[in-house]
Amino acid sequence: SGTAPCYHHQAVDAVPAELRVTARSADGTIQ
C-alpha cells in the first residue's frame, strides 16, 4: 500500500488488453 500527492479530476476508465491494473484506491479509482 502507499500514499502519494495527486492532482487530477479525470481517471482511467476502460483499460486496454495490453495493460493491467496494479493499484487502486478504496473508491475504485485506478492508481
All heavy atoms as atom14 arrays in JSON, in Angstrom:
{
  "sequence": "SGTAPCYHHQAVDAVPAELRVTARSADGTIQ",
  "atom14_mask": [
    [1, 1, 1, 1, 1, 1, 0, 0, 0, 0, 0, 0, 0, 0],
    [1, 1, 1, 1, 0, 0, 0, 0, 0, 0, 0, 0, 0, 0],
    [1, 1, 1, 1, 1, 1, 1, 0, 0, 0, 0, 0, 0, 0],
    [1, 1, 1, 1, 1, 0, 0, 0, 0, 0, 0, 0, 0, 0],
    [1, 1, 1, 1, 1, 1, 1, 0, 0, 0, 0, 0, 0, 0],
    [1, 1, 1, 1, 1, 1, 0, 0, 0, 0, 0, 0, 0, 0],
    [1, 1, 1, 1, 1, 1, 1, 1, 1, 1, 1, 1, 0, 0],
    [1, 1, 1, 1, 1, 1, 1, 1, 1, 1, 0, 0, 0, 0],
    [1, 1, 1, 1, 1, 1, 1, 1, 1, 1, 0, 0, 0, 0],
    [1, 1, 1, 1, 1, 1, 1, 1, 1, 0, 0, 0, 0, 0],
    [1, 1, 1, 1, 1, 0, 0, 0, 0, 0, 0, 0, 0, 0],
    [1, 1, 1, 1, 1, 1, 1, 0, 0, 0, 0, 0, 0, 0],
    [1, 1, 1, 1, 1, 1, 1, 1, 0, 0, 0, 0, 0, 0],
    [1, 1, 1, 1, 1, 0, 0, 0, 0, 0, 0, 0, 0, 0],
    [1, 1, 1, 1, 1, 1, 1, 0, 0, 0, 0, 0, 0, 0],
    [1, 1, 1, 1, 1, 1, 1, 0, 0, 0, 0, 0, 0, 0],
    [1, 1, 1, 1, 1, 0, 0, 0, 0, 0, 0, 0, 0, 0],
    [1, 1, 1, 1, 1, 1, 1, 1, 1, 0, 0, 0, 0, 0],
    [1, 1, 1, 1, 1, 1, 1, 1, 0, 0, 0, 0, 0, 0],
    [1, 1, 1, 1, 1, 1, 1, 1, 1, 1, 1, 0, 0, 0],
    [1, 1, 1, 1, 1, 1, 1, 0, 0, 0, 0, 0, 0, 0],
    [1, 1, 1, 1, 1, 1, 1, 0, 0, 0, 0, 0, 0, 0],
    [1, 1, 1, 1, 1, 0, 0, 0, 0, 0, 0, 0, 0, 0],
    [1, 1, 1, 1, 1, 1, 1, 1, 1, 1, 1, 0, 0, 0],
    [1, 1, 1, 1, 1, 1, 0, 0, 0, 0, 0, 0, 0, 0],
    [1, 1, 1, 1, 1, 0, 0, 0, 0, 0, 0, 0, 0, 0],
    [1, 1, 1, 1, 1, 1, 1, 1, 0, 0, 0, 0, 0, 0],
    [1, 1, 1, 1, 0, 0, 0, 0, 0, 0, 0, 0, 0, 0],
    [1, 1, 1, 1, 1, 1, 1, 0, 0, 0, 0, 0, 0, 0],
    [1, 1, 1, 1, 1, 1, 1, 1, 0, 0, 0, 0, 0, 0],
    [1, 1, 1, 1, 1, 1, 1, 1, 1, 0, 0, 0, 0, 0]
  ],
  "atom14_positions": [
    [[0.84, -1.2, 0.0], [0.0, 0.0, 0.0], [0.87, 1.24, 0.0], [2.09, 1.17, 0.24], [-0.94, 0.01, 1.21], [-0.19, 0.09, 2.42], [0.0, 0.0, 0.0], [0.0, 0.0, 0.0], [0.0, 0.0, 0.0], [0.0, 0.0, 0.0], [0.0, 0.0, 0.0], [0.0, 0.0, 0.0], [0.0, 0.0, 0.0], [0.0, 0.0, 0.0]],
    [[0.25, 2.38, -0.26], [1.01, 3.62, -0.26], [0.11, 4.84, -0.32], [-1.1, 4.73, -0.51], [0.0, 0.0, 0.0], [0.0, 0.0, 0.0], [0.0, 0.0, 0.0], [0.0, 0.0, 0.0], [0.0, 0.0, 0.0], [0.0, 0.0, 0.0], [0.0, 0.0, 0.0], [0.0, 0.0, 0.0], [0.0, 0.0, 0.0], [0.0, 0.0, 0.0]],
    [[0.71, 5.99, -0.14], [0.04, 7.27, -0.31], [0.96, 8.17, -1.13], [2.19, 8.01, -1.09], [-0.27, 7.96, 1.03], [0.95, 8.18, 1.74], [-1.22, 7.11, 1.87], [0.0, 0.0, 0.0], [0.0, 0.0, 0.0], [0.0, 0.0, 0.0], [0.0, 0.0, 0.0], [0.0, 0.0, 0.0], [0.0, 0.0, 0.0], [0.0, 0.0, 0.0]],
    [[0.37, 9.1, -1.87], [1.18, 9.98, -2.7], [0.39, 11.24, -3.03], [-0.85, 11.22, -3.04], [1.58, 9.27, -4.0], [0.0, 0.0, 0.0], [0.0, 0.0, 0.0], [0.0, 0.0, 0.0], [0.0, 0.0, 0.0], [0.0, 0.0, 0.0], [0.0, 0.0, 0.0], [0.0, 0.0, 0.0], [0.0, 0.0, 0.0], [0.0, 0.0, 0.0]],
    [[1.08, 12.34, -3.33], [0.39, 13.55, -3.76], [-0.36, 13.29, -5.08], [0.08, 12.5, -5.91], [1.52, 14.57, -3.96], [2.65, 14.04, -3.14], [2.53, 12.56, -3.22], [0.0, 0.0, 0.0], [0.0, 0.0, 0.0], [0.0, 0.0, 0.0], [0.0, 0.0, 0.0], [0.0, 0.0, 0.0], [0.0, 0.0, 0.0], [0.0, 0.0, 0.0]],
    [[-1.48, 13.97, -5.26], [-2.23, 13.8, -6.51], [-2.89, 15.13, -6.88], [-3.11, 16.0, -6.03], [-3.29, 12.7, -6.37], [-4.59, 13.06, -5.15], [0.0, 0.0, 0.0], [0.0, 0.0, 0.0], [0.0, 0.0, 0.0], [0.0, 0.0, 0.0], [0.0, 0.0, 0.0], [0.0, 0.0, 0.0], [0.0, 0.0, 0.0], [0.0, 0.0, 0.0]],
    [[-3.2, 15.26, -8.16], [-3.89, 16.46, -8.64], [-4.52, 16.13, -9.98], [-3.89, 16.22, -11.03], [-2.9, 17.62, -8.79], [-3.57, 18.96, -9.06], [-4.13, 19.69, -8.02], [-3.64, 19.47, -10.35], [-4.75, 20.91, -8.25], [-4.26, 20.69, -10.6], [-4.81, 21.41, -9.55], [-5.43, 22.61, -9.79], [0.0, 0.0, 0.0], [0.0, 0.0, 0.0]],
    [[-5.78, 15.68, -9.97], [-6.45, 15.3, -11.21], [-7.96, 15.28, -10.99], [-8.43, 15.03, -9.88], [-5.97, 13.93, -11.68], [-6.26, 12.81, -10.71], [-7.32, 11.94, -10.88], [-5.66, 12.42, -9.56], [-7.34, 11.07, -9.88], [-6.34, 11.34, -9.07], [0.0, 0.0, 0.0], [0.0, 0.0, 0.0], [0.0, 0.0, 0.0], [0.0, 0.0, 0.0]],
    [[-8.7, 15.55, -12.06], [-10.16, 15.43, -12.0], [-10.65, 14.35, -12.96], [-11.85, 14.09, -13.05], [-10.83, 16.78, -12.29], [-10.86, 17.16, -13.74], [-12.03, 17.21, -14.47], [-9.86, 17.51, -14.58], [-11.76, 17.58, -15.71], [-10.45, 17.77, -15.81], [0.0, 0.0, 0.0], [0.0, 0.0, 0.0], [0.0, 0.0, 0.0], [0.0, 0.0, 0.0]],
    [[-9.72, 13.74, -13.7], [-10.04, 12.64, -14.6], [-9.31, 11.38, -14.14], [-8.41, 11.44, -13.29], [-9.65, 12.98, -16.04], [-10.36, 14.22, -16.56], [-10.26, 14.38, -18.06], [-9.37, 13.85, -18.71], [-11.2, 15.11, -18.64], [0.0, 0.0, 0.0], [0.0, 0.0, 0.0], [0.0, 0.0, 0.0], [0.0, 0.0, 0.0], [0.0, 0.0, 0.0]],
    [[-9.7, 10.24, -14.7], [-9.07, 8.98, -14.32], [-9.28, 7.95, -15.42], [-10.16, 8.11, -16.28], [-9.65, 8.46, -13.0], [0.0, 0.0, 0.0], [0.0, 0.0, 0.0], [0.0, 0.0, 0.0], [0.0, 0.0, 0.0], [0.0, 0.0, 0.0], [0.0, 0.0, 0.0], [0.0, 0.0, 0.0], [0.0, 0.0, 0.0], [0.0, 0.0, 0.0]],
    [[-8.48, 6.9, -15.39], [-8.63, 5.81, -16.35], [-9.94, 5.1, -16.1], [-10.31, 4.82, -14.95], [-7.44, 4.83, -16.24], [-7.69, 3.59, -17.12], [-6.14, 5.53, -16.62], [0.0, 0.0, 0.0], [0.0, 0.0, 0.0], [0.0, 0.0, 0.0], [0.0, 0.0, 0.0], [0.0, 0.0, 0.0], [0.0, 0.0, 0.0], [0.0, 0.0, 0.0]],
    [[-10.65, 4.78, -17.18], [-11.91, 4.04, -17.09], [-11.69, 2.65, -17.68], [-11.2, 1.76, -17.0], [-13.01, 4.81, -17.81], [-14.39, 4.2, -17.6], [-14.53, 3.31, -16.73], [-15.33, 4.6, -18.32], [0.0, 0.0, 0.0], [0.0, 0.0, 0.0], [0.0, 0.0, 0.0], [0.0, 0.0, 0.0], [0.0, 0.0, 0.0], [0.0, 0.0, 0.0]],
    [[-12.02, 2.46, -18.97], [-11.78, 1.17, -19.61], [-10.28, 0.98, -19.84], [-9.59, 1.89, -20.32], [-12.53, 1.1, -20.95], [0.0, 0.0, 0.0], [0.0, 0.0, 0.0], [0.0, 0.0, 0.0], [0.0, 0.0, 0.0], [0.0, 0.0, 0.0], [0.0, 0.0, 0.0], [0.0, 0.0, 0.0], [0.0, 0.0, 0.0], [0.0, 0.0, 0.0]],
    [[-9.77, -0.19, -19.49], [-8.33, -0.48, -19.59], [-8.08, -1.38, -20.8], [-8.74, -2.42, -20.95], [-7.83, -1.19, -18.31], [-6.35, -1.53, -18.42], [-8.09, -0.3, -17.1], [0.0, 0.0, 0.0], [0.0, 0.0, 0.0], [0.0, 0.0, 0.0], [0.0, 0.0, 0.0], [0.0, 0.0, 0.0], [0.0, 0.0, 0.0], [0.0, 0.0, 0.0]],
    [[-7.16, -1.02, -21.68], [-6.88, -1.84, -22.86], [-6.26, -3.19, -22.48], [-5.68, -3.33, -21.4], [-5.91, -0.99, -23.67], [-5.28, -0.08, -22.68], [-6.33, 0.19, -21.65], [0.0, 0.0, 0.0], [0.0, 0.0, 0.0], [0.0, 0.0, 0.0], [0.0, 0.0, 0.0], [0.0, 0.0, 0.0], [0.0, 0.0, 0.0], [0.0, 0.0, 0.0]],
    [[-6.37, -4.16, -23.39], [-5.91, -5.52, -23.11], [-4.42, -5.59, -22.84], [-3.96, -6.5, -22.14], [-6.28, -6.43, -24.29], [0.0, 0.0, 0.0], [0.0, 0.0, 0.0], [0.0, 0.0, 0.0], [0.0, 0.0, 0.0], [0.0, 0.0, 0.0], [0.0, 0.0, 0.0], [0.0, 0.0, 0.0], [0.0, 0.0, 0.0], [0.0, 0.0, 0.0]],
    [[-3.64, -4.64, -23.37], [-2.19, -4.68, -23.2], [-1.74, -4.27, -21.8], [-0.57, -4.43, -21.45], [-1.51, -3.74, -24.22], [-1.7, -4.15, -25.67], [-2.93, -3.53, -26.3], [-3.86, -3.1, -25.54], [-2.97, -3.44, -27.54], [0.0, 0.0, 0.0], [0.0, 0.0, 0.0], [0.0, 0.0, 0.0], [0.0, 0.0, 0.0], [0.0, 0.0, 0.0]],
    [[-2.66, -3.71, -21.01], [-2.33, -3.21, -19.68], [-3.14, -3.93, -18.61], [-4.19, -4.49, -18.88], [-2.6, -1.71, -19.59], [-1.87, -0.81, -20.59], [-2.38, 0.62, -20.47], [-0.36, -0.87, -20.39], [0.0, 0.0, 0.0], [0.0, 0.0, 0.0], [0.0, 0.0, 0.0], [0.0, 0.0, 0.0], [0.0, 0.0, 0.0], [0.0, 0.0, 0.0]],
    [[-2.62, -3.88, -17.37], [-3.37, -4.41, -16.24], [-3.31, -3.42, -15.09], [-2.33, -2.67, -14.93], [-2.82, -5.77, -15.8], [-1.39, -5.75, -15.28], [-0.87, -7.18, -15.09], [0.49, -7.19, -14.56], [0.82, -7.48, -13.31], [-0.15, -7.79, -12.45], [2.07, -7.49, -12.91], [0.0, 0.0, 0.0], [0.0, 0.0, 0.0], [0.0, 0.0, 0.0]],
    [[-4.37, -3.4, -14.31], [-4.44, -2.51, -13.15], [-3.67, -3.15, -12.0], [-3.88, -4.31, -11.66], [-5.91, -2.3, -12.72], [-5.97, -1.43, -11.46], [-6.7, -1.65, -13.86], [0.0, 0.0, 0.0], [0.0, 0.0, 0.0], [0.0, 0.0, 0.0], [0.0, 0.0, 0.0], [0.0, 0.0, 0.0], [0.0, 0.0, 0.0], [0.0, 0.0, 0.0]],
    [[-2.74, -2.37, -11.42], [-1.93, -2.91, -10.32], [-2.03, -2.1, -9.03], [-1.38, -2.43, -8.05], [-0.46, -3.03, -10.74], [0.03, -1.75, -11.16], [-0.3, -4.04, -11.88], [0.0, 0.0, 0.0], [0.0, 0.0, 0.0], [0.0, 0.0, 0.0], [0.0, 0.0, 0.0], [0.0, 0.0, 0.0], [0.0, 0.0, 0.0], [0.0, 0.0, 0.0]],
    [[-2.84, -1.06, -9.03], [-3.11, -0.33, -7.78], [-4.43, 0.41, -7.92], [-4.74, 0.95, -8.99], [-1.98, 0.65, -7.45], [0.0, 0.0, 0.0], [0.0, 0.0, 0.0], [0.0, 0.0, 0.0], [0.0, 0.0, 0.0], [0.0, 0.0, 0.0], [0.0, 0.0, 0.0], [0.0, 0.0, 0.0], [0.0, 0.0, 0.0], [0.0, 0.0, 0.0]],
    [[-5.2, 0.42, -6.83], [-6.47, 1.14, -6.78], [-6.64, 1.8, -5.42], [-6.12, 1.33, -4.42], [-7.66, 0.2, -6.97], [-7.89, -0.32, -8.38], [-9.15, -1.16, -8.43], [-9.35, -1.82, -9.69], [-10.02, -1.32, -10.73], [-10.57, -0.11, -10.59], [-10.15, -1.99, -11.84], [0.0, 0.0, 0.0], [0.0, 0.0, 0.0], [0.0, 0.0, 0.0]],
    [[-7.4, 2.88, -5.41], [-7.84, 3.48, -4.15], [-9.07, 2.72, -3.67], [-9.69, 1.97, -4.42], [-8.18, 4.95, -4.35], [-7.02, 5.69, -4.65], [0.0, 0.0, 0.0], [0.0, 0.0, 0.0], [0.0, 0.0, 0.0], [0.0, 0.0, 0.0], [0.0, 0.0, 0.0], [0.0, 0.0, 0.0], [0.0, 0.0, 0.0], [0.0, 0.0, 0.0]],
    [[-9.45, 2.95, -2.42], [-10.59, 2.26, -1.84], [-11.89, 2.56, -2.6], [-12.81, 1.74, -2.62], [-10.74, 2.64, -0.37], [0.0, 0.0, 0.0], [0.0, 0.0, 0.0], [0.0, 0.0, 0.0], [0.0, 0.0, 0.0], [0.0, 0.0, 0.0], [0.0, 0.0, 0.0], [0.0, 0.0, 0.0], [0.0, 0.0, 0.0], [0.0, 0.0, 0.0]],
    [[-11.97, 3.73, -3.25], [-13.17, 4.09, -4.0], [-13.18, 3.51, -5.4], [-14.09, 3.78, -6.19], [-13.35, 5.6, -4.06], [-12.23, 6.32, -4.8], [-11.35, 5.65, -5.38], [-12.23, 7.58, -4.82], [0.0, 0.0, 0.0], [0.0, 0.0, 0.0], [0.0, 0.0, 0.0], [0.0, 0.0, 0.0], [0.0, 0.0, 0.0], [0.0, 0.0, 0.0]],
    [[-12.16, 2.72, -5.74], [-12.1, 2.08, -7.04], [-11.28, 2.82, -8.08], [-11.03, 2.28, -9.17], [0.0, 0.0, 0.0], [0.0, 0.0, 0.0], [0.0, 0.0, 0.0], [0.0, 0.0, 0.0], [0.0, 0.0, 0.0], [0.0, 0.0, 0.0], [0.0, 0.0, 0.0], [0.0, 0.0, 0.0], [0.0, 0.0, 0.0], [0.0, 0.0, 0.0]],
    [[-10.85, 4.03, -7.79], [-10.05, 4.8, -8.75], [-8.76, 4.06, -9.07], [-8.02, 3.65, -8.18], [-9.72, 6.19, -8.2], [-10.93, 6.9, -7.94], [-8.87, 6.99, -9.19], [0.0, 0.0, 0.0], [0.0, 0.0, 0.0], [0.0, 0.0, 0.0], [0.0, 0.0, 0.0], [0.0, 0.0, 0.0], [0.0, 0.0, 0.0], [0.0, 0.0, 0.0]],
    [[-8.49, 3.9, -10.36], [-7.26, 3.23, -10.8], [-6.07, 4.14, -10.52], [-6.03, 5.28, -10.98], [-7.34, 2.88, -12.3], [-8.42, 1.82, -12.53], [-5.99, 2.39, -12.82], [-8.72, 1.53, -13.99], [0.0, 0.0, 0.0], [0.0, 0.0, 0.0], [0.0, 0.0, 0.0], [0.0, 0.0, 0.0], [0.0, 0.0, 0.0], [0.0, 0.0, 0.0]],
    [[-5.09, 3.63, -9.79], [-3.92, 4.41, -9.42], [-2.64, 3.96, -10.11], [-1.66, 4.69, -10.13], [-3.72, 4.38, -7.9], [-4.82, 5.05, -7.12], [-4.85, 6.56, -7.29], [-3.94, 7.16, -7.85], [-5.91, 7.19, -6.83], [0.0, 0.0, 0.0], [0.0, 0.0, 0.0], [0.0, 0.0, 0.0], [0.0, 0.0, 0.0], [0.0, 0.0, 0.0]]
  ]
}
